[in-house]
Amino acid sequence: WSDTCCIDKSDHFVLQEALVAMFRWYQGSTLVIVFLRGVRSSSQLGALVRSIWNTRCRTTKSHQK
């Protein structure tokens, strides 16, 4: 939710800082829980592959060690 609700995407500098911070939060996490609207927990992997969530990809190569 943090990238859709809490980040000012109109300011490139703020967006970049937020993305780096999010990478650090997730990198240091023990557990990340994700809710994918429209994909039931009982769905097979194919349902996830065909879902809208598989159409957007964000990489963090530039921030990897």
PDB file of N, CA and C in Angstrom:
ATOM      1  N   TRP A   1       0.804  -1.196   0.000  1.00  0.00           N
ATOM      2  CA  TRP A   1       0.000   0.000   0.000  1.00  0.00           C
ATOM      3  C   TRP A   1       0.845   1.257   0.000  1.00  0.00           C
ATOM      4  N   SER A   2       2.051   1.162   0.512  1.00  0.00           N
ATOM      5  CA  SER A   2       2.844   2.383   0.669  1.00  0.00           C
ATOM      6  C   SER A   2       3.206   3.032  -0.658  1.00  0.00           C
ATOM      7  N   ASP A   3       3.358   2.235  -1.720  1.00  0.00           N
ATOM      8  CA  ASP A   3       3.701   2.874  -2.988  1.00  0.00           C
ATOM      9  C   ASP A   3       2.485   3.439  -3.706  1.00  0.00           C
ATOM     10  N   THR A   4       1.279   3.060  -3.307  1.00  0.00           N
ATOM     11  CA  THR A   4       0.097   3.598  -3.961  1.00  0.00           C
ATOM     12  C   THR A   4      -0.572   4.698  -3.160  1.00  0.00           C
ATOM     13  N   CYS A   5      -0.399   4.703  -1.865  1.00  0.00           N
ATOM     14  CA  CYS A   5      -1.111   5.659  -1.019  1.00  0.00           C
ATOM     15  C   CYS A   5      -0.233   6.743  -0.409  1.00  0.00           C
ATOM     16  N   CYS A   6       1.013   6.460  -0.180  1.00  0.00           N
ATOM     17  CA  CYS A   6       1.816   7.342   0.668  1.00  0.00           C
ATOM     18  C   CYS A   6       2.973   8.035  -0.029  1.00  0.00           C
ATOM     19  N   ILE A   7       3.203   7.768  -1.288  1.00  0.00           N
ATOM     20  CA  ILE A   7       4.348   8.359  -1.975  1.00  0.00           C
ATOM     21  C   ILE A   7       3.871   9.367  -3.011  1.00  0.00           C
ATOM     22  N   ASP A   8       4.446  10.562  -2.975  1.00  0.00           N
ATOM     23  CA  ASP A   8       4.146  11.592  -3.972  1.00  0.00           C
ATOM     24  C   ASP A   8       4.893  11.253  -5.257  1.00  0.00           C
ATOM     25  N   LYS A   9       4.185  10.661  -6.216  1.00  0.00           N
ATOM     26  CA  LYS A   9       4.824  10.223  -7.455  1.00  0.00           C
ATOM     27  C   LYS A   9       5.082  11.373  -8.422  1.00  0.00           C
ATOM     28  N   SER A  10       4.541  12.552  -8.143  1.00  0.00           N
ATOM     29  CA  SER A  10       4.771  13.694  -9.030  1.00  0.00           C
ATOM     30  C   SER A  10       6.140  14.331  -8.791  1.00  0.00           C
ATOM     31  N   ASP A  11       6.763  14.040  -7.669  1.00  0.00           N
ATOM     32  CA  ASP A  11       8.085  14.576  -7.338  1.00  0.00           C
ATOM     33  C   ASP A  11       9.111  13.454  -7.507  1.00  0.00           C
ATOM     34  N   HIS A  12       9.916  13.532  -8.561  1.00  0.00           N
ATOM     35  CA  HIS A  12      10.864  12.466  -8.889  1.00  0.00           C
ATOM     36  C   HIS A  12      11.835  12.192  -7.739  1.00  0.00           C
ATOM     37  N   PHE A  13      12.326  13.225  -7.079  1.00  0.00           N
ATOM     38  CA  PHE A  13      13.275  13.048  -5.982  1.00  0.00           C
ATOM     39  C   PHE A  13      12.633  12.291  -4.819  1.00  0.00           C
ATOM     40  N   VAL A  14      11.429  12.693  -4.445  1.00  0.00           N
ATOM     41  CA  VAL A  14      10.708  12.026  -3.355  1.00  0.00           C
ATOM     42  C   VAL A  14      10.435  10.573  -3.723  1.00  0.00           C
ATOM     43  N   LEU A  15      10.039  10.331  -4.964  1.00  0.00           N
ATOM     44  CA  LEU A  15       9.757   8.973  -5.425  1.00  0.00           C
ATOM     45  C   LEU A  15      11.005   8.097  -5.332  1.00  0.00           C
ATOM     46  N   GLN A  16      12.144   8.590  -5.788  1.00  0.00           N
ATOM     47  CA  GLN A  16      13.388   7.811  -5.737  1.00  0.00           C
ATOM     48  C   GLN A  16      13.784   7.491  -4.297  1.00  0.00           C
ATOM     49  N   GLU A  17      13.686   8.481  -3.425  1.00  0.00           N
ATOM     50  CA  GLU A  17      14.009   8.247  -2.014  1.00  0.00           C
ATOM     51  C   GLU A  17      13.085   7.195  -1.403  1.00  0.00           C
ATOM     52  N   ALA A  18      11.821   7.267  -1.731  1.00  0.00           N
ATOM     53  CA  ALA A  18      10.848   6.317  -1.193  1.00  0.00           C
ATOM     54  C   ALA A  18      11.111   4.905  -1.704  1.00  0.00           C
ATOM     55  N   LEU A  19      11.460   4.770  -2.972  1.00  0.00           N
ATOM     56  CA  LEU A  19      11.742   3.448  -3.530  1.00  0.00           C
ATOM     57  C   LEU A  19      12.961   2.811  -2.873  1.00  0.00           C
ATOM     58  N   VAL A  20      13.986   3.599  -2.626  1.00  0.00           N
ATOM     59  CA  VAL A  20      15.181   3.087  -1.944  1.00  0.00           C
ATOM     60  C   VAL A  20      14.817   2.668  -0.519  1.00  0.00           C
ATOM     61  N   ALA A  21      14.014   3.482   0.160  1.00  0.00           N
ATOM     62  CA  ALA A  21      13.595   3.142   1.522  1.00  0.00           C
ATOM     63  C   ALA A  21      12.765   1.861   1.535  1.00  0.00           C
ATOM     64  N   MET A  22      11.855   1.717   0.573  1.00  0.00           N
ATOM     65  CA  MET A  22      11.034   0.504   0.505  1.00  0.00           C
ATOM     66  C   MET A  22      11.906  -0.721   0.266  1.00  0.00           C
ATOM     67  N   PHE A  23      12.901  -0.595  -0.598  1.00  0.00           N
ATOM     68  CA  PHE A  23      13.807  -1.715  -0.846  1.00  0.00           C
ATOM     69  C   PHE A  23      14.477  -2.144   0.456  1.00  0.00           C
ATOM     70  N   ARG A  24      14.938  -1.171   1.242  1.00  0.00           N
ATOM     71  CA  ARG A  24      15.601  -1.493   2.513  1.00  0.00           C
ATOM     72  C   ARG A  24      14.637  -2.146   3.500  1.00  0.00           C
ATOM     73  N   TRP A  25      13.393  -1.648   3.545  1.00  0.00           N
ATOM     74  CA  TRP A  25      12.405  -2.246   4.452  1.00  0.00           C
ATOM     75  C   TRP A  25      12.188  -3.706   4.098  1.00  0.00           C
ATOM     76  N   TYR A  26      11.960  -3.975   2.816  1.00  0.00           N
ATOM     77  CA  TYR A  26      11.677  -5.346   2.395  1.00  0.00           C
ATOM     78  C   TYR A  26      12.918  -6.235   2.501  1.00  0.00           C
ATOM     79  N   GLN A  27      14.086  -5.680   2.209  1.00  0.00           N
ATOM     80  CA  GLN A  27      15.324  -6.456   2.291  1.00  0.00           C
ATOM     81  C   GLN A  27      15.571  -6.915   3.727  1.00  0.00           C
ATOM     82  N   GLY A  28      15.272  -6.071   4.690  1.00  0.00           N
ATOM     83  CA  GLY A  28      15.504  -6.399   6.087  1.00  0.00           C
ATOM     84  C   GLY A  28      14.360  -7.149   6.752  1.00  0.00           C
ATOM     85  N   SER A  29      13.322  -7.433   5.999  1.00  0.00           N
ATOM     86  CA  SER A  29      12.142  -8.090   6.565  1.00  0.00           C
ATOM     87  C   SER A  29      12.369  -9.574   6.796  1.00  0.00           C
ATOM     88  N   THR A  30      11.773 -10.075   7.837  1.00  0.00           N
ATOM     89  CA  THR A  30      11.735 -11.508   8.081  1.00  0.00           C
ATOM     90  C   THR A  30      10.569 -12.121   7.329  1.00  0.00           C
ATOM     91  N   LEU A  31       9.484 -11.355   7.201  1.00  0.00           N
ATOM     92  CA  LEU A  31       8.274 -11.840   6.551  1.00  0.00           C
ATOM     93  C   LEU A  31       7.587 -10.676   5.859  1.00  0.00           C
ATOM     94  N   VAL A  32       7.145 -10.883   4.637  1.00  0.00           N
ATOM     95  CA  VAL A  32       6.367  -9.885   3.907  1.00  0.00           C
ATOM     96  C   VAL A  32       5.042 -10.538   3.538  1.00  0.00           C
ATOM     97  N   ILE A  33       3.948  -9.925   3.957  1.00  0.00           N
ATOM     98  CA  ILE A  33       2.617 -10.443   3.645  1.00  0.00           C
ATOM     99  C   ILE A  33       2.029  -9.580   2.535  1.00  0.00           C
ATOM    100  N   VAL A  34       1.518 -10.238   1.514  1.00  0.00           N
ATOM    101  CA  VAL A  34       0.985  -9.533   0.350  1.00  0.00           C
ATOM    102  C   VAL A  34      -0.462  -9.948   0.129  1.00  0.00           C
ATOM    103  N   PHE A  35      -1.337  -8.973  -0.083  1.00  0.00           N
ATOM    104  CA  PHE A  35      -2.724  -9.247  -0.443  1.00  0.00           C
ATOM    105  C   PHE A  35      -2.894  -8.861  -1.899  1.00  0.00           C
ATOM    106  N   LEU A  36      -3.225  -9.822  -2.736  1.00  0.00           N
ATOM    107  CA  LEU A  36      -3.433  -9.570  -4.158  1.00  0.00           C
ATOM    108  C   LEU A  36      -4.924  -9.638  -4.446  1.00  0.00           C
ATOM    109  N   ARG A  37      -5.548  -8.478  -4.552  1.00  0.00           N
ATOM    110  CA  ARG A  37      -6.990  -8.437  -4.826  1.00  0.00           C
ATOM    111  C   ARG A  37      -7.283  -9.178  -6.124  1.00  0.00           C
ATOM    112  N   GLY A  38      -8.252 -10.053  -6.096  1.00  0.00           N
ATOM    113  CA  GLY A  38      -8.648 -10.783  -7.291  1.00  0.00           C
ATOM    114  C   GLY A  38      -7.993 -12.144  -7.436  1.00  0.00           C
ATOM    115  N   VAL A  39      -7.042 -12.475  -6.559  1.00  0.00           N
ATOM    116  CA  VAL A  39      -6.404 -13.795  -6.592  1.00  0.00           C
ATOM    117  C   VAL A  39      -6.721 -14.482  -5.269  1.00  0.00           C
ATOM    118  N   ARG A  40      -7.523 -15.514  -5.327  1.00  0.00           N
ATOM    119  CA  ARG A  40      -7.908 -16.236  -4.106  1.00  0.00           C
ATOM    120  C   ARG A  40      -6.739 -17.080  -3.607  1.00  0.00           C
ATOM    121  N   SER A  41      -6.694 -17.280  -2.304  1.00  0.00           N
ATOM    122  CA  SER A  41      -5.612 -18.084  -1.724  1.00  0.00           C
ATOM    123  C   SER A  41      -5.665 -19.530  -2.198  1.00  0.00           C
ATOM    124  N   SER A  42      -6.840 -19.972  -2.624  1.00  0.00           N
ATOM    125  CA  SER A  42      -6.969 -21.346  -3.109  1.00  0.00           C
ATOM    126  C   SER A  42      -6.663 -21.473  -4.606  1.00  0.00           C
ATOM    127  N   SER A  43      -6.324 -20.350  -5.257  1.00  0.00           N
ATOM    128  CA  SER A  43      -6.040 -20.363  -6.694  1.00  0.00           C
ATOM    129  C   SER A  43      -4.758 -21.122  -6.993  1.00  0.00           C
ATOM    130  N   GLN A  44      -4.712 -21.691  -8.168  1.00  0.00           N
ATOM    131  CA  GLN A  44      -3.485 -22.337  -8.613  1.00  0.00           C
ATOM    132  C   GLN A  44      -2.521 -21.271  -9.114  1.00  0.00           C
ATOM    133  N   LEU A  45      -1.268 -21.651  -9.301  1.00  0.00           N
ATOM    134  CA  LEU A  45      -0.239 -20.713  -9.744  1.00  0.00           C
ATOM    135  C   LEU A  45      -0.632 -20.035 -11.051  1.00  0.00           C
ATOM    136  N   GLY A  46      -1.292 -20.742 -11.945  1.00  0.00           N
ATOM    137  CA  GLY A  46      -1.703 -20.165 -13.224  1.00  0.00           C
ATOM    138  C   GLY A  46      -2.590 -18.948 -13.066  1.00  0.00           C
ATOM    139  N   ALA A  47      -3.435 -18.937 -12.026  1.00  0.00           N
ATOM    140  CA  ALA A  47      -4.300 -17.787 -11.770  1.00  0.00           C
ATOM    141  C   ALA A  47      -3.468 -16.556 -11.428  1.00  0.00           C
ATOM    142  N   LEU A  48      -2.402 -16.739 -10.686  1.00  0.00           N
ATOM    143  CA  LEU A  48      -1.515 -15.625 -10.359  1.00  0.00           C
ATOM    144  C   LEU A  48      -0.774 -15.145 -11.600  1.00  0.00           C
ATOM    145  N   VAL A  49      -0.305 -16.075 -12.408  1.00  0.00           N
ATOM    146  CA  VAL A  49       0.425 -15.718 -13.630  1.00  0.00           C
ATOM    147  C   VAL A  49      -0.465 -14.909 -14.565  1.00  0.00           C
ATOM    148  N   ARG A  50      -1.754 -15.228 -14.641  1.00  0.00           N
ATOM    149  CA  ARG A  50      -2.674 -14.533 -15.541  1.00  0.00           C
ATOM    150  C   ARG A  50      -3.280 -13.281 -14.918  1.00  0.00           C
ATOM    151  N   SER A  51      -3.028 -13.036 -13.650  1.00  0.00           N
ATOM    152  CA  SER A  51      -3.664 -11.905 -12.970  1.00  0.00           C
ATOM    153  C   SER A  51      -3.023 -10.583 -13.377  1.00  0.00           C
ATOM    154  N   ILE A  52      -3.743  -9.505 -13.080  1.00  0.00           N
ATOM    155  CA  ILE A  52      -3.239  -8.163 -13.379  1.00  0.00           C
ATOM    156  C   ILE A  52      -1.943  -7.873 -12.620  1.00  0.00           C
ATOM    157  N   TRP A  53      -1.719  -8.564 -11.500  1.00  0.00           N
ATOM    158  CA  TRP A  53      -0.526  -8.334 -10.684  1.00  0.00           C
ATOM    159  C   TRP A  53       0.743  -8.782 -11.385  1.00  0.00           C
ATOM    160  N   ASN A  54       0.611  -9.588 -12.403  1.00  0.00           N
ATOM    161  CA  ASN A  54       1.775 -10.063 -13.141  1.00  0.00           C
ATOM    162  C   ASN A  54       2.080  -9.174 -14.347  1.00  0.00           C
ATOM    163  N   THR A  55       1.417  -8.031 -14.460  1.00  0.00           N
ATOM    164  CA  THR A  55       1.641  -7.129 -15.592  1.00  0.00           C
ATOM    165  C   THR A  55       2.555  -5.969 -15.227  1.00  0.00           C
ATOM    166  N   ARG A  56       2.867  -5.825 -13.960  1.00  0.00           N
ATOM    167  CA  ARG A  56       3.705  -4.711 -13.507  1.00  0.00           C
ATOM    168  C   ARG A  56       4.917  -5.283 -12.798  1.00  0.00           C
ATOM    169  N   CYS A  57       6.085  -4.795 -13.165  1.00  0.00           N
ATOM    170  CA  CYS A  57       7.300  -5.334 -12.558  1.00  0.00           C
ATOM    171  C   CYS A  57       8.210  -4.185 -12.157  1.00  0.00           C
ATOM    172  N   ARG A  58       8.767  -4.283 -10.993  1.00  0.00           N
ATOM    173  CA  ARG A  58       9.720  -3.276 -10.532  1.00  0.00           C
ATOM    174  C   ARG A  58      10.968  -4.021 -10.094  1.00  0.00           C
ATOM    175  N   THR A  59      12.102  -3.631 -10.623  1.00  0.00           N
ATOM    176  CA  THR A  59      13.344  -4.294 -10.240  1.00  0.00           C
ATOM    177  C   THR A  59      14.155  -3.390  -9.337  1.00  0.00           C
ATOM    178  N   THR A  60      15.047  -3.996  -8.584  1.00  0.00           N
ATOM    179  CA  THR A  60      15.881  -3.230  -7.662  1.00  0.00           C
ATOM    180  C   THR A  60      17.355  -3.544  -7.872  1.00  0.00           C
ATOM    181  N   LYS A  61      17.712  -3.923  -9.084  1.00  0.00           N
ATOM    182  CA  LYS A  61      19.110  -4.278  -9.349  1.00  0.00           C
ATOM    183  C   LYS A  61      20.078  -3.177  -8.931  1.00  0.00           C
ATOM    184  N   SER A  62      19.706  -1.928  -9.173  1.00  0.00           N
ATOM    185  CA  SER A  62      20.627  -0.837  -8.870  1.00  0.00           C
ATOM    186  C   SER A  62      20.878  -0.690  -7.375  1.00  0.00           C
ATOM    187  N   HIS A  63      20.041  -1.298  -6.548  1.00  0.00           N
ATOM    188  CA  HIS A  63      20.202  -1.171  -5.101  1.00  0.00           C
ATOM    189  C   HIS A  63      20.735  -2.438  -4.451  1.00  0.00           C
ATOM    190  N   GLN A  64      21.001  -3.466  -5.246  1.00  0.00           N
ATOM    191  CA  GLN A  64      21.500  -4.712  -4.681  1.00  0.00           C
ATOM    192  C   GLN A  64      22.969  -4.581  -4.334  1.00  0.00           C
ATOM    193  N   LYS A  65      23.393  -5.378  -3.371  1.00  0.00           N
ATOM    194  CA  LYS A  65      24.805  -5.360  -2.946  1.00  0.00           C
ATOM    195  C   LYS A  65      25.672  -6.010  -3.982  1.00  0.00           C
TER     196      LYS A  65
END
